[in-house]
Amino acid sequence: MYAYDAVVAEVAVDACRGMVRVRRVLGIFDAGRIISPKLAESQAIGAADGGIGAAQLEHTVTDHRDGRIVNANLADYLVPVNGDARDLKATYLDGSAGQRR
């Protein structure tokens, strides 16, 4: 029912060019007993990848005259690729150690 996590990222910043590159991401999760480890790892890595995309690539442009979103289409939507984050890892704590009653 409850899951807890801590996620850390190592990033490189090129201040001259204004670029941020995510080098590594490690997520440690306490999600109880994991029934399907492959699925859990895929979800955690996908969430990290989505977070990278939201932090680096998403930008909403609003028309100051009427408040409408100017770029509300998928034509200009950017998604992260392998070059944006190369080393994504997820680790799960043993679900039987923290049983709550």
PDB file of N, CA and C in Angstrom:
ATOM      1  N   MET A   1       0.813  -1.182   0.000  1.00  0.00           N
ATOM      2  CA  MET A   1       0.000   0.000   0.000  1.00  0.00           C
ATOM      3  C   MET A   1       0.867   1.261   0.000  1.00  0.00           C
ATOM      4  N   TYR A   2       1.986   1.228   0.718  1.00  0.00           N
ATOM      5  CA  TYR A   2       2.867   2.384   0.768  1.00  0.00           C
ATOM      6  C   TYR A   2       4.229   2.006   0.205  1.00  0.00           C
ATOM      7  N   ALA A   3       4.867   2.956  -0.431  1.00  0.00           N
ATOM      8  CA  ALA A   3       6.218   2.762  -0.943  1.00  0.00           C
ATOM      9  C   ALA A   3       7.007   4.033  -0.668  1.00  0.00           C
ATOM     10  N   TYR A   4       8.266   3.855  -0.343  1.00  0.00           N
ATOM     11  CA  TYR A   4       9.145   4.979  -0.064  1.00  0.00           C
ATOM     12  C   TYR A   4      10.378   4.850  -0.933  1.00  0.00           C
ATOM     13  N   ASP A   5      10.959   5.978  -1.290  1.00  0.00           N
ATOM     14  CA  ASP A   5      12.139   5.903  -2.135  1.00  0.00           C
ATOM     15  C   ASP A   5      13.052   7.090  -1.886  1.00  0.00           C
ATOM     16  N   ALA A   6      14.287   6.891  -2.280  1.00  0.00           N
ATOM     17  CA  ALA A   6      15.286   7.963  -2.309  1.00  0.00           C
ATOM     18  C   ALA A   6      16.001   7.844  -3.645  1.00  0.00           C
ATOM     19  N   VAL A   7      16.074   8.943  -4.364  1.00  0.00           N
ATOM     20  CA  VAL A   7      16.694   8.942  -5.681  1.00  0.00           C
ATOM     21  C   VAL A   7      17.773  10.020  -5.695  1.00  0.00           C
ATOM     22  N   VAL A   8      18.949   9.641  -6.147  1.00  0.00           N
ATOM     23  CA  VAL A   8      20.057  10.592  -6.270  1.00  0.00           C
ATOM     24  C   VAL A   8      20.552  10.573  -7.714  1.00  0.00           C
ATOM     25  N   ALA A   9      21.064  11.710  -8.146  1.00  0.00           N
ATOM     26  CA  ALA A   9      21.561  11.826  -9.517  1.00  0.00           C
ATOM     27  C   ALA A   9      22.896  12.549  -9.511  1.00  0.00           C
ATOM     28  N   GLU A  10      23.779  12.085 -10.362  1.00  0.00           N
ATOM     29  CA  GLU A  10      25.045  12.778 -10.613  1.00  0.00           C
ATOM     30  C   GLU A  10      24.891  13.498 -11.937  1.00  0.00           C
ATOM     31  N   VAL A  11      25.096  14.811 -11.914  1.00  0.00           N
ATOM     32  CA  VAL A  11      24.941  15.603 -13.132  1.00  0.00           C
ATOM     33  C   VAL A  11      26.221  16.373 -13.428  1.00  0.00           C
ATOM     34  N   ALA A  12      26.405  16.672 -14.690  1.00  0.00           N
ATOM     35  CA  ALA A  12      27.524  17.518 -15.130  1.00  0.00           C
ATOM     36  C   ALA A  12      26.919  18.778 -15.725  1.00  0.00           C
ATOM     37  N   VAL A  13      27.464  19.929 -15.343  1.00  0.00           N
ATOM     38  CA  VAL A  13      26.938  21.208 -15.803  1.00  0.00           C
ATOM     39  C   VAL A  13      28.026  21.936 -16.582  1.00  0.00           C
ATOM     40  N   ASP A  14      27.694  22.315 -17.798  1.00  0.00           N
ATOM     41  CA  ASP A  14      28.569  23.152 -18.619  1.00  0.00           C
ATOM     42  C   ASP A  14      27.983  24.550 -18.592  1.00  0.00           C
ATOM     43  N   ALA A  15      28.534  25.399 -17.728  1.00  0.00           N
ATOM     44  CA  ALA A  15      27.994  26.746 -17.533  1.00  0.00           C
ATOM     45  C   ALA A  15      28.175  27.620 -18.769  1.00  0.00           C
ATOM     46  N   CYS A  16      29.206  27.396 -19.534  1.00  0.00           N
ATOM     47  CA  CYS A  16      29.450  28.216 -20.729  1.00  0.00           C
ATOM     48  C   CYS A  16      28.382  27.987 -21.799  1.00  0.00           C
ATOM     49  N   ARG A  17      28.010  26.729 -22.007  1.00  0.00           N
ATOM     50  CA  ARG A  17      27.014  26.407 -23.027  1.00  0.00           C
ATOM     51  C   ARG A  17      25.609  26.291 -22.463  1.00  0.00           C
ATOM     52  N   GLY A  18      25.481  26.330 -21.129  1.00  0.00           N
ATOM     53  CA  GLY A  18      24.170  26.218 -20.499  1.00  0.00           C
ATOM     54  C   GLY A  18      23.565  24.839 -20.632  1.00  0.00           C
ATOM     55  N   MET A  19      24.406  23.803 -20.566  1.00  0.00           N
ATOM     56  CA  MET A  19      23.923  22.426 -20.729  1.00  0.00           C
ATOM     57  C   MET A  19      24.089  21.653 -19.431  1.00  0.00           C
ATOM     58  N   VAL A  20      23.098  20.797 -19.170  1.00  0.00           N
ATOM     59  CA  VAL A  20      23.145  19.895 -18.018  1.00  0.00           C
ATOM     60  C   VAL A  20      23.052  18.480 -18.554  1.00  0.00           C
ATOM     61  N   ARG A  21      23.968  17.625 -18.141  1.00  0.00           N
ATOM     62  CA  ARG A  21      23.969  16.228 -18.583  1.00  0.00           C
ATOM     63  C   ARG A  21      23.849  15.338 -17.351  1.00  0.00           C
ATOM     64  N   VAL A  22      22.880  14.452 -17.356  1.00  0.00           N
ATOM     65  CA  VAL A  22      22.702  13.508 -16.254  1.00  0.00           C
ATOM     66  C   VAL A  22      23.619  12.323 -16.505  1.00  0.00           C
ATOM     67  N   ARG A  23      24.544  12.099 -15.590  1.00  0.00           N
ATOM     68  CA  ARG A  23      25.494  10.988 -15.763  1.00  0.00           C
ATOM     69  C   ARG A  23      24.961   9.686 -15.192  1.00  0.00           C
ATOM     70  N   ARG A  24      24.501   9.749 -13.936  1.00  0.00           N
ATOM     71  CA  ARG A  24      24.012   8.526 -13.285  1.00  0.00           C
ATOM     72  C   ARG A  24      22.817   8.847 -12.408  1.00  0.00           C
ATOM     73  N   VAL A  25      21.903   7.883 -12.299  1.00  0.00           N
ATOM     74  CA  VAL A  25      20.764   7.993 -11.396  1.00  0.00           C
ATOM     75  C   VAL A  25      20.645   6.676 -10.651  1.00  0.00           C
ATOM     76  N   LEU A  26      20.497   6.769  -9.337  1.00  0.00           N
ATOM     77  CA  LEU A  26      20.305   5.585  -8.502  1.00  0.00           C
ATOM     78  C   LEU A  26      19.072   5.803  -7.648  1.00  0.00           C
ATOM     79  N   GLY A  27      18.138   4.886  -7.728  1.00  0.00           N
ATOM     80  CA  GLY A  27      16.936   4.924  -6.908  1.00  0.00           C
ATOM     81  C   GLY A  27      16.927   3.730  -5.969  1.00  0.00           C
ATOM     82  N   ILE A  28      16.659   3.984  -4.694  1.00  0.00           N
ATOM     83  CA  ILE A  28      16.536   2.913  -3.700  1.00  0.00           C
ATOM     84  C   ILE A  28      15.110   2.958  -3.188  1.00  0.00           C
ATOM     85  N   PHE A  29      14.418   1.832  -3.274  1.00  0.00           N
ATOM     86  CA  PHE A  29      12.991   1.777  -3.002  1.00  0.00           C
ATOM     87  C   PHE A  29      12.675   0.781  -1.898  1.00  0.00           C
ATOM     88  N   ASP A  30      11.730   1.159  -1.041  1.00  0.00           N
ATOM     89  CA  ASP A  30      11.157   0.262  -0.046  1.00  0.00           C
ATOM     90  C   ASP A  30       9.693   0.111  -0.425  1.00  0.00           C
ATOM     91  N   ALA A  31       9.396  -0.937  -1.152  1.00  0.00           N
ATOM     92  CA  ALA A  31       8.051  -1.131  -1.689  1.00  0.00           C
ATOM     93  C   ALA A  31       7.435  -2.444  -1.237  1.00  0.00           C
ATOM     94  N   GLY A  32       7.911  -2.980  -0.129  1.00  0.00           N
ATOM     95  CA  GLY A  32       7.360  -4.251   0.339  1.00  0.00           C
ATOM     96  C   GLY A  32       7.914  -5.412  -0.457  1.00  0.00           C
ATOM     97  N   ARG A  33       7.144  -6.468  -0.548  1.00  0.00           N
ATOM     98  CA  ARG A  33       7.572  -7.648  -1.286  1.00  0.00           C
ATOM     99  C   ARG A  33       7.359  -7.416  -2.778  1.00  0.00           C
ATOM    100  N   ILE A  34       8.414  -7.556  -3.542  1.00  0.00           N
ATOM    101  CA  ILE A  34       8.351  -7.357  -4.993  1.00  0.00           C
ATOM    102  C   ILE A  34       8.015  -8.697  -5.634  1.00  0.00           C
ATOM    103  N   ILE A  35       6.886  -8.738  -6.312  1.00  0.00           N
ATOM    104  CA  ILE A  35       6.438  -9.978  -6.959  1.00  0.00           C
ATOM    105  C   ILE A  35       7.150 -10.179  -8.295  1.00  0.00           C
ATOM    106  N   SER A  36       7.292  -9.110  -9.058  1.00  0.00           N
ATOM    107  CA  SER A  36       7.935  -9.182 -10.370  1.00  0.00           C
ATOM    108  C   SER A  36       9.111  -8.209 -10.404  1.00  0.00           C
ATOM    109  N   PRO A  37      10.324  -8.682 -10.104  1.00  0.00           N
ATOM    110  CA  PRO A  37      11.480  -7.780 -10.053  1.00  0.00           C
ATOM    111  C   PRO A  37      11.760  -7.058 -11.375  1.00  0.00           C
ATOM    112  N   LYS A  38      11.586  -7.727 -12.484  1.00  0.00           N
ATOM    113  CA  LYS A  38      11.847  -7.105 -13.791  1.00  0.00           C
ATOM    114  C   LYS A  38      10.877  -5.950 -14.049  1.00  0.00           C
ATOM    115  N   LEU A  39       9.604  -6.172 -13.726  1.00  0.00           N
ATOM    116  CA  LEU A  39       8.604  -5.120 -13.905  1.00  0.00           C
ATOM    117  C   LEU A  39       8.867  -3.943 -12.960  1.00  0.00           C
ATOM    118  N   ALA A  40       9.213  -4.233 -11.712  1.00  0.00           N
ATOM    119  CA  ALA A  40       9.492  -3.169 -10.742  1.00  0.00           C
ATOM    120  C   ALA A  40      10.695  -2.334 -11.184  1.00  0.00           C
ATOM    121  N   GLU A  41      11.731  -2.992 -11.676  1.00  0.00           N
ATOM    122  CA  GLU A  41      12.908  -2.263 -12.145  1.00  0.00           C
ATOM    123  C   GLU A  41      12.573  -1.409 -13.363  1.00  0.00           C
ATOM    124  N   SER A  42      11.780  -1.951 -14.266  1.00  0.00           N
ATOM    125  CA  SER A  42      11.386  -1.192 -15.450  1.00  0.00           C
ATOM    126  C   SER A  42      10.569   0.038 -15.077  1.00  0.00           C
ATOM    127  N   GLN A  43       9.680  -0.097 -14.095  1.00  0.00           N
ATOM    128  CA  GLN A  43       8.874   1.050 -13.678  1.00  0.00           C
ATOM    129  C   GLN A  43       9.733   2.114 -13.016  1.00  0.00           C
ATOM    130  N   ALA A  44      10.681   1.695 -12.196  1.00  0.00           N
ATOM    131  CA  ALA A  44      11.549   2.659 -11.511  1.00  0.00           C
ATOM    132  C   ALA A  44      12.445   3.392 -12.501  1.00  0.00           C
ATOM    133  N   ILE A  45      13.013   2.671 -13.451  1.00  0.00           N
ATOM    134  CA  ILE A  45      13.876   3.296 -14.451  1.00  0.00           C
ATOM    135  C   ILE A  45      13.053   4.200 -15.363  1.00  0.00           C
ATOM    136  N   GLY A  46      11.853   3.768 -15.713  1.00  0.00           N
ATOM    137  CA  GLY A  46      10.972   4.607 -16.528  1.00  0.00           C
ATOM    138  C   GLY A  46      10.587   5.888 -15.814  1.00  0.00           C
ATOM    139  N   ALA A  47      10.339   5.802 -14.507  1.00  0.00           N
ATOM    140  CA  ALA A  47      10.009   6.997 -13.733  1.00  0.00           C
ATOM    141  C   ALA A  47      11.201   7.951 -13.667  1.00  0.00           C
ATOM    142  N   ALA A  48      12.395   7.409 -13.505  1.00  0.00           N
ATOM    143  CA  ALA A  48      13.593   8.259 -13.490  1.00  0.00           C
ATOM    144  C   ALA A  48      13.784   8.928 -14.840  1.00  0.00           C
ATOM    145  N   ASP A  49      13.579   8.179 -15.903  1.00  0.00           N
ATOM    146  CA  ASP A  49      13.703   8.727 -17.252  1.00  0.00           C
ATOM    147  C   ASP A  49      12.660   9.818 -17.489  1.00  0.00           C
ATOM    148  N   GLY A  50      11.434   9.595 -17.033  1.00  0.00           N
ATOM    149  CA  GLY A  50      10.394  10.609 -17.148  1.00  0.00           C
ATOM    150  C   GLY A  50      10.712  11.851 -16.342  1.00  0.00           C
ATOM    151  N   GLY A  51      11.310  11.674 -15.171  1.00  0.00           N
ATOM    152  CA  GLY A  51      11.721  12.810 -14.355  1.00  0.00           C
ATOM    153  C   GLY A  51      12.801  13.631 -15.020  1.00  0.00           C
ATOM    154  N   ILE A  52      13.726  12.960 -15.680  1.00  0.00           N
ATOM    155  CA  ILE A  52      14.774  13.665 -16.424  1.00  0.00           C
ATOM    156  C   ILE A  52      14.141  14.468 -17.553  1.00  0.00           C
ATOM    157  N   GLY A  53      13.204  13.870 -18.245  1.00  0.00           N
ATOM    158  CA  GLY A  53      12.522  14.578 -19.324  1.00  0.00           C
ATOM    159  C   GLY A  53      11.758  15.785 -18.825  1.00  0.00           C
ATOM    160  N   ALA A  54      11.068  15.636 -17.700  1.00  0.00           N
ATOM    161  CA  ALA A  54      10.302  16.758 -17.144  1.00  0.00           C
ATOM    162  C   ALA A  54      11.222  17.883 -16.692  1.00  0.00           C
ATOM    163  N   ALA A  55      12.347  17.524 -16.097  1.00  0.00           N
ATOM    164  CA  ALA A  55      13.253  18.541 -15.570  1.00  0.00           C
ATOM    165  C   ALA A  55      14.040  19.258 -16.662  1.00  0.00           C
ATOM    166  N   GLN A  56      14.429  18.553 -17.703  1.00  0.00           N
ATOM    167  CA  GLN A  56      15.321  19.149 -18.702  1.00  0.00           C
ATOM    168  C   GLN A  56      14.642  19.574 -19.994  1.00  0.00           C
ATOM    169  N   LEU A  57      13.587  18.899 -20.379  1.00  0.00           N
ATOM    170  CA  LEU A  57      13.082  19.100 -21.731  1.00  0.00           C
ATOM    171  C   LEU A  57      11.719  19.773 -21.818  1.00  0.00           C
ATOM    172  N   GLU A  58      10.903  19.681 -20.773  1.00  0.00           N
ATOM    173  CA  GLU A  58       9.563  20.242 -20.867  1.00  0.00           C
ATOM    174  C   GLU A  58       9.589  21.737 -20.602  1.00  0.00           C
ATOM    175  N   HIS A  59       8.877  22.464 -21.423  1.00  0.00           N
ATOM    176  CA  HIS A  59       8.801  23.906 -21.278  1.00  0.00           C
ATOM    177  C   HIS A  59       7.448  24.359 -21.819  1.00  0.00           C
ATOM    178  N   THR A  60       6.654  24.956 -20.979  1.00  0.00           N
ATOM    179  CA  THR A  60       5.354  25.444 -21.392  1.00  0.00           C
ATOM    180  C   THR A  60       5.458  26.928 -21.711  1.00  0.00           C
ATOM    181  N   VAL A  61       5.056  27.279 -22.921  1.00  0.00           N
ATOM    182  CA  VAL A  61       5.065  28.672 -23.355  1.00  0.00           C
ATOM    183  C   VAL A  61       3.630  29.186 -23.303  1.00  0.00           C
ATOM    184  N   THR A  62       3.426  30.261 -22.546  1.00  0.00           N
ATOM    185  CA  THR A  62       2.094  30.821 -22.364  1.00  0.00           C
ATOM    186  C   THR A  62       1.989  32.177 -23.072  1.00  0.00           C
ATOM    187  N   ASP A  63       0.888  32.373 -23.770  1.00  0.00           N
ATOM    188  CA  ASP A  63       0.626  33.664 -24.403  1.00  0.00           C
ATOM    189  C   ASP A  63       0.235  34.652 -23.309  1.00  0.00           C
ATOM    190  N   HIS A  64       1.005  35.720 -23.156  1.00  0.00           N
ATOM    191  CA  HIS A  64       0.769  36.671 -22.071  1.00  0.00           C
ATOM    192  C   HIS A  64      -0.533  37.452 -22.237  1.00  0.00           C
ATOM    193  N   ARG A  65      -1.106  37.470 -23.441  1.00  0.00           N
ATOM    194  CA  ARG A  65      -2.340  38.226 -23.671  1.00  0.00           C
ATOM    195  C   ARG A  65      -3.574  37.519 -23.111  1.00  0.00           C
ATOM    196  N   ASP A  66      -3.672  36.199 -23.328  1.00  0.00           N
ATOM    197  CA  ASP A  66      -4.886  35.512 -22.893  1.00  0.00           C
ATOM    198  C   ASP A  66      -4.623  34.294 -22.006  1.00  0.00           C
ATOM    199  N   GLY A  67      -3.367  33.990 -21.728  1.00  0.00           N
ATOM    200  CA  GLY A  67      -3.044  32.886 -20.835  1.00  0.00           C
ATOM    201  C   GLY A  67      -3.112  31.512 -21.469  1.00  0.00           C
ATOM    202  N   ARG A  68      -3.319  31.439 -22.762  1.00  0.00           N
ATOM    203  CA  ARG A  68      -3.377  30.128 -23.434  1.00  0.00           C
ATOM    204  C   ARG A  68      -1.975  29.572 -23.632  1.00  0.00           C
ATOM    205  N   ILE A  69      -1.887  28.247 -23.612  1.00  0.00           N
ATOM    206  CA  ILE A  69      -0.616  27.575 -23.842  1.00  0.00           C
ATOM    207  C   ILE A  69      -0.360  27.539 -25.346  1.00  0.00           C
ATOM    208  N   VAL A  70       0.774  28.082 -25.754  1.00  0.00           N
ATOM    209  CA  VAL A  70       1.096  28.202 -27.173  1.00  0.00           C
ATOM    210  C   VAL A  70       1.601  26.884 -27.750  1.00  0.00           C
ATOM    211  N   ASN A  71       2.362  26.145 -26.995  1.00  0.00           N
ATOM    212  CA  ASN A  71       2.952  24.907 -27.522  1.00  0.00           C
ATOM    213  C   ASN A  71       2.241  23.663 -26.986  1.00  0.00           C
ATOM    214  N   ALA A  72       0.927  23.678 -27.014  1.00  0.00           N
ATOM    215  CA  ALA A  72       0.135  22.552 -26.502  1.00  0.00           C
ATOM    216  C   ALA A  72      -0.112  21.512 -27.589  1.00  0.00           C
ATOM    217  N   ASN A  73       0.961  20.969 -28.146  1.00  0.00           N
ATOM    218  CA  ASN A  73       0.830  19.905 -29.136  1.00  0.00           C
ATOM    219  C   ASN A  73       2.023  18.967 -28.992  1.00  0.00           C
ATOM    220  N   LEU A  74       1.945  17.843 -29.627  1.00  0.00           N
ATOM    221  CA  LEU A  74       3.027  16.859 -29.532  1.00  0.00           C
ATOM    222  C   LEU A  74       4.092  17.039 -30.609  1.00  0.00           C
ATOM    223  N   ALA A  75       3.906  18.000 -31.500  1.00  0.00           N
ATOM    224  CA  ALA A  75       4.883  18.210 -32.566  1.00  0.00           C
ATOM    225  C   ALA A  75       6.227  18.681 -32.022  1.00  0.00           C
ATOM    226  N   ASP A  76       6.199  19.504 -30.985  1.00  0.00           N
ATOM    227  CA  ASP A  76       7.433  20.049 -30.412  1.00  0.00           C
ATOM    228  C   ASP A  76       7.829  19.369 -29.112  1.00  0.00           C
ATOM    229  N   TYR A  77       7.162  18.253 -28.765  1.00  0.00           N
ATOM    230  CA  TYR A  77       7.419  17.592 -27.493  1.00  0.00           C
ATOM    231  C   TYR A  77       8.700  16.772 -27.572  1.00  0.00           C
ATOM    232  N   LEU A  78       9.626  17.026 -26.670  1.00  0.00           N
ATOM    233  CA  LEU A  78      10.897  16.311 -26.648  1.00  0.00           C
ATOM    234  C   LEU A  78      10.860  15.225 -25.582  1.00  0.00           C
ATOM    235  N   VAL A  79      11.466  14.108 -25.882  1.00  0.00           N
ATOM    236  CA  VAL A  79      11.563  13.013 -24.914  1.00  0.00           C
ATOM    237  C   VAL A  79      13.036  12.674 -24.714  1.00  0.00           C
ATOM    238  N   PRO A  80      13.405  12.246 -23.508  1.00  0.00           N
ATOM    239  CA  PRO A  80      14.807  11.893 -23.283  1.00  0.00           C
ATOM    240  C   PRO A  80      15.196  10.627 -24.047  1.00  0.00           C
ATOM    241  N   VAL A  81      16.451  10.569 -24.448  1.00  0.00           N
ATOM    242  CA  VAL A  81      16.984   9.403 -25.141  1.00  0.00           C
ATOM    243  C   VAL A  81      18.177   8.865 -24.359  1.00  0.00           C
ATOM    244  N   ASN A  82      18.800   7.811 -24.836  1.00  0.00           N
ATOM    245  CA  ASN A  82      19.912   7.179 -24.119  1.00  0.00           C
ATOM    246  C   ASN A  82      21.044   8.145 -23.803  1.00  0.00           C
ATOM    247  N   GLY A  83      21.290   9.111 -24.667  1.00  0.00           N
ATOM    248  CA  GLY A  83      22.360  10.066 -24.430  1.00  0.00           C
ATOM    249  C   GLY A  83      22.069  11.021 -23.283  1.00  0.00           C
ATOM    250  N   ASP A  84      20.797  11.168 -22.907  1.00  0.00           N
ATOM    251  CA  ASP A  84      20.443  12.078 -21.819  1.00  0.00           C
ATOM    252  C   ASP A  84      20.755  11.492 -20.447  1.00  0.00           C
ATOM    253  N   ALA A  85      20.661  10.204 -20.293  1.00  0.00           N
ATOM    254  CA  ALA A  85      21.014   9.541 -19.037  1.00  0.00           C
ATOM    255  C   ALA A  85      21.467   8.128 -19.377  1.00  0.00           C
ATOM    256  N   ARG A  86      22.684   7.833 -19.074  1.00  0.00           N
ATOM    257  CA  ARG A  86      23.243   6.550 -19.508  1.00  0.00           C
ATOM    258  C   ARG A  86      23.167   5.465 -18.452  1.00  0.00           C
ATOM    259  N   ASP A  87      23.225   5.830 -17.196  1.00  0.00           N
ATOM    260  CA  ASP A  87      23.341   4.835 -16.137  1.00  0.00           C
ATOM    261  C   ASP A  87      22.205   5.009 -15.142  1.00  0.00           C
ATOM    262  N   LEU A  88      21.088   4.331 -15.383  1.00  0.00           N
ATOM    263  CA  LEU A  88      19.936   4.371 -14.489  1.00  0.00           C
ATOM    264  C   LEU A  88      19.847   3.036 -13.759  1.00  0.00           C
ATOM    265  N   LYS A  89      19.836   3.076 -12.433  1.00  0.00           N
ATOM    266  CA  LYS A  89      19.765   1.837 -11.658  1.00  0.00           C
ATOM    267  C   LYS A  89      18.713   1.954 -10.567  1.00  0.00           C
ATOM    268  N   ALA A  90      18.069   0.841 -10.280  1.00  0.00           N
ATOM    269  CA  ALA A  90      17.072   0.779  -9.212  1.00  0.00           C
ATOM    270  C   ALA A  90      17.419  -0.383  -8.295  1.00  0.00           C
ATOM    271  N   THR A  91      17.349  -0.126  -7.001  1.00  0.00           N
ATOM    272  CA  THR A  91      17.610  -1.153  -5.993  1.00  0.00           C
ATOM    273  C   THR A  91      16.427  -1.185  -5.039  1.00  0.00           C
ATOM    274  N   TYR A  92      16.046  -2.373  -4.636  1.00  0.00           N
ATOM    275  CA  TYR A  92      14.915  -2.536  -3.731  1.00  0.00           C
ATOM    276  C   TYR A  92      15.381  -3.129  -2.419  1.00  0.00           C
ATOM    277  N   LEU A  93      14.858  -2.569  -1.332  1.00  0.00           N
ATOM    278  CA  LEU A  93      15.153  -3.125  -0.018  1.00  0.00           C
ATOM    279  C   LEU A  93      14.356  -4.409   0.160  1.00  0.00           C
ATOM    280  N   ASP A  94      14.850  -5.274   1.027  1.00  0.00           N
ATOM    281  CA  ASP A  94      14.175  -6.537   1.313  1.00  0.00           C
ATOM    282  C   ASP A  94      12.824  -6.243   1.942  1.00  0.00           C
ATOM    283  N   GLY A  95      11.746  -6.678   1.306  1.00  0.00           N
ATOM    284  CA  GLY A  95      10.393  -6.395   1.784  1.00  0.00           C
ATOM    285  C   GLY A  95      10.029  -7.051   3.079  1.00  0.00           C
ATOM    286  N   SER A  96      10.712  -8.117   3.455  1.00  0.00           N
ATOM    287  CA  SER A  96      10.337  -8.821   4.683  1.00  0.00           C
ATOM    288  C   SER A  96      10.955  -8.172   5.919  1.00  0.00           C
ATOM    289  N   ALA A  97      11.948  -7.280   5.747  1.00  0.00           N
ATOM    290  CA  ALA A  97      12.633  -6.707   6.900  1.00  0.00           C
ATOM    291  C   ALA A  97      11.798  -5.660   7.606  1.00  0.00           C
ATOM    292  N   GLY A  98      10.988  -4.903   6.886  1.00  0.00           N
ATOM    293  CA  GLY A  98      10.278  -3.789   7.503  1.00  0.00           C
ATOM    294  C   GLY A  98       8.782  -4.012   7.617  1.00  0.00           C
ATOM    295  N   GLN A  99       8.352  -5.196   8.004  1.00  0.00           N
ATOM    296  CA  GLN A  99       6.922  -5.473   8.141  1.00  0.00           C
ATOM    297  C   GLN A  99       6.330  -4.611   9.253  1.00  0.00           C
ATOM    298  N   ARG A 100       5.262  -3.894   8.942  1.00  0.00           N
ATOM    299  CA  ARG A 100       4.588  -3.049   9.935  1.00  0.00           C
ATOM    300  C   ARG A 100       3.320  -3.732  10.397  1.00  0.00           C
ATOM    301  N   ARG A 101       3.028  -3.639  11.680  1.00  0.00           N
ATOM    302  CA  ARG A 101       1.816  -4.270  12.201  1.00  0.00           C
ATOM    303  C   ARG A 101       0.938  -3.280  12.875  1.00  0.00           C
TER     304      ARG A 101
END
